[in-house]
Protein backbone atom coordinates (compact mmCIF):
# COMPACT_ATOMS: atom_id res chain seq x y z
CA MET A 1 -61.79 -21.55 -50.98
CA GLY A 2 -58.46 -21.50 -49.95
CA GLU A 3 -57.00 -18.65 -48.01
CA SER A 4 -55.13 -16.22 -50.12
CA MET A 5 -52.20 -14.00 -49.79
CA LYS A 6 -50.73 -10.26 -50.83
CA ILE A 7 -48.11 -10.45 -53.37
CA MET A 8 -46.43 -7.12 -54.11
CA VAL A 9 -45.06 -7.15 -57.55
CA ARG A 10 -42.70 -4.52 -58.89
CA ALA A 11 -41.80 -4.29 -62.96
CA MET A 12 -37.83 -2.93 -63.40
CA SER A 13 -35.85 -1.48 -65.91
CA SER A 14 -37.40 -1.75 -69.27
CA LEU A 15 -40.62 -3.57 -68.55
CA LYS A 16 -41.78 -0.93 -66.42
CA TYR A 17 -41.99 0.89 -69.52
CA THR A 18 -44.35 -1.75 -70.69
CA ALA A 19 -45.97 -1.91 -67.46
CA LYS A 20 -49.61 -0.26 -66.84
CA LYS A 21 -47.87 0.31 -63.48
CA SER A 22 -44.37 -0.54 -62.07
CA LYS A 23 -45.58 -1.67 -58.68
CA MET A 24 -48.90 -3.43 -57.90
CA SER A 25 -50.23 -5.96 -55.02
CA LEU A 26 -52.20 -8.91 -55.91
CA ASN A 27 -54.18 -11.41 -54.15
CA ILE A 28 -53.76 -14.81 -54.84
CA GLU A 29 -53.95 -18.39 -53.41
CA GLU A 30 -51.91 -20.02 -50.55
CA GLY A 31 -49.82 -22.14 -51.82
CA ALA A 32 -49.64 -20.38 -55.85
CA THR A 33 -46.55 -20.57 -57.88
CA VAL A 34 -44.09 -17.33 -59.94
CA ARG A 35 -46.38 -19.21 -62.88
CA SER A 36 -49.75 -18.72 -60.96
CA LEU A 37 -48.32 -15.18 -60.41
CA LEU A 38 -47.81 -14.31 -63.86
CA ASN A 39 -50.82 -15.58 -64.83
CA SER A 40 -53.09 -13.35 -62.17
CA ILE A 41 -51.08 -10.59 -64.06
CA ARG A 42 -51.81 -11.29 -67.71
CA LYS A 43 -55.62 -10.69 -66.11
CA VAL A 44 -54.75 -7.10 -65.79
CA ASP A 45 -52.17 -6.51 -67.99
CA GLU A 46 -51.68 -8.71 -71.15
CA LYS A 47 -48.64 -7.08 -72.46
CA LEU A 48 -46.50 -7.36 -69.33
CA PHE A 49 -47.06 -10.80 -69.85
CA ASN A 50 -46.37 -11.41 -72.95
CA ALA A 51 -43.34 -9.47 -72.08
CA ILE A 52 -42.08 -11.80 -70.03
CA LEU A 53 -43.52 -15.38 -71.05
CA ASP A 54 -43.16 -16.46 -74.78
CA HIS A 55 -46.16 -18.44 -76.32
CA GLU A 56 -45.12 -22.07 -74.44
CA GLY A 57 -45.31 -20.02 -71.39
CA GLU A 58 -41.74 -20.37 -70.88
CA LEU A 59 -39.48 -17.06 -69.25
CA ASN A 60 -38.60 -15.01 -72.86
CA SER A 61 -35.36 -14.56 -72.97
CA GLY A 62 -33.58 -11.71 -70.98
CA ILE A 63 -36.20 -12.01 -68.31
CA ILE A 64 -34.78 -12.11 -64.83
CA ILE A 65 -37.35 -12.77 -62.08
CA LEU A 66 -36.69 -12.51 -58.38
CA VAL A 67 -38.54 -13.62 -55.48
CA ASN A 68 -37.05 -11.52 -52.59
CA LYS A 69 -33.91 -10.61 -54.18
CA LYS A 70 -33.57 -14.50 -54.96
CA ASP A 71 -33.25 -15.44 -58.57
CA ILE A 72 -35.76 -18.00 -59.28
CA ASP A 73 -33.35 -19.71 -61.50
CA VAL A 74 -31.68 -20.90 -58.73
CA LEU A 75 -34.86 -22.00 -56.56
CA GLN A 76 -37.68 -24.19 -58.30
CA GLY A 77 -38.14 -21.79 -61.85
CA LEU A 78 -41.68 -20.77 -62.68
CA ASP A 79 -42.56 -23.60 -60.20
CA THR A 80 -41.29 -21.79 -57.24
CA LYS A 81 -43.72 -21.35 -54.50
CA LEU A 82 -44.75 -17.97 -53.04
CA GLN A 83 -45.50 -17.17 -49.30
CA ASP A 84 -47.90 -14.53 -48.05
CA GLY A 85 -45.88 -11.26 -48.12
CA ASP A 86 -43.15 -12.10 -51.07
CA ALA A 87 -41.91 -8.98 -53.42
CA VAL A 88 -41.43 -10.02 -56.58
CA PHE A 89 -39.67 -8.72 -59.33
CA LEU A 90 -39.73 -8.93 -62.97
CA LEU A 91 -36.47 -7.17 -65.03
CA SER A 92 -35.05 -7.28 -68.15
CA ALA A 93 -31.49 -8.04 -69.15
CA VAL A 94 -31.87 -6.51 -72.39
CA HIS A 95 -32.00 -3.00 -73.13
CA GLY A 96 -32.24 -0.77 -76.12
CA GLY A 97 -29.81 1.48 -76.81
């Protein structure tokens, strides 16, 4: 079994109300991607996972994921590789009114 790394995940904006907790620290396998991190989140918070990804495994409209304050859209999207100690922010650009 490979080494594990610790990733800090923060749910922001409306997602923090969806999440069981707005801040979590997850241990995932070294070399994991944003997508595999989301699958780890699914095991602890299915509702949050469903708010982020659609049934085809793509980001829901209005969802922004930042890795160390960089949008994954300018990185490798859901295939962005994570490093030990990374901070991942989950945001919703859509707000209720």
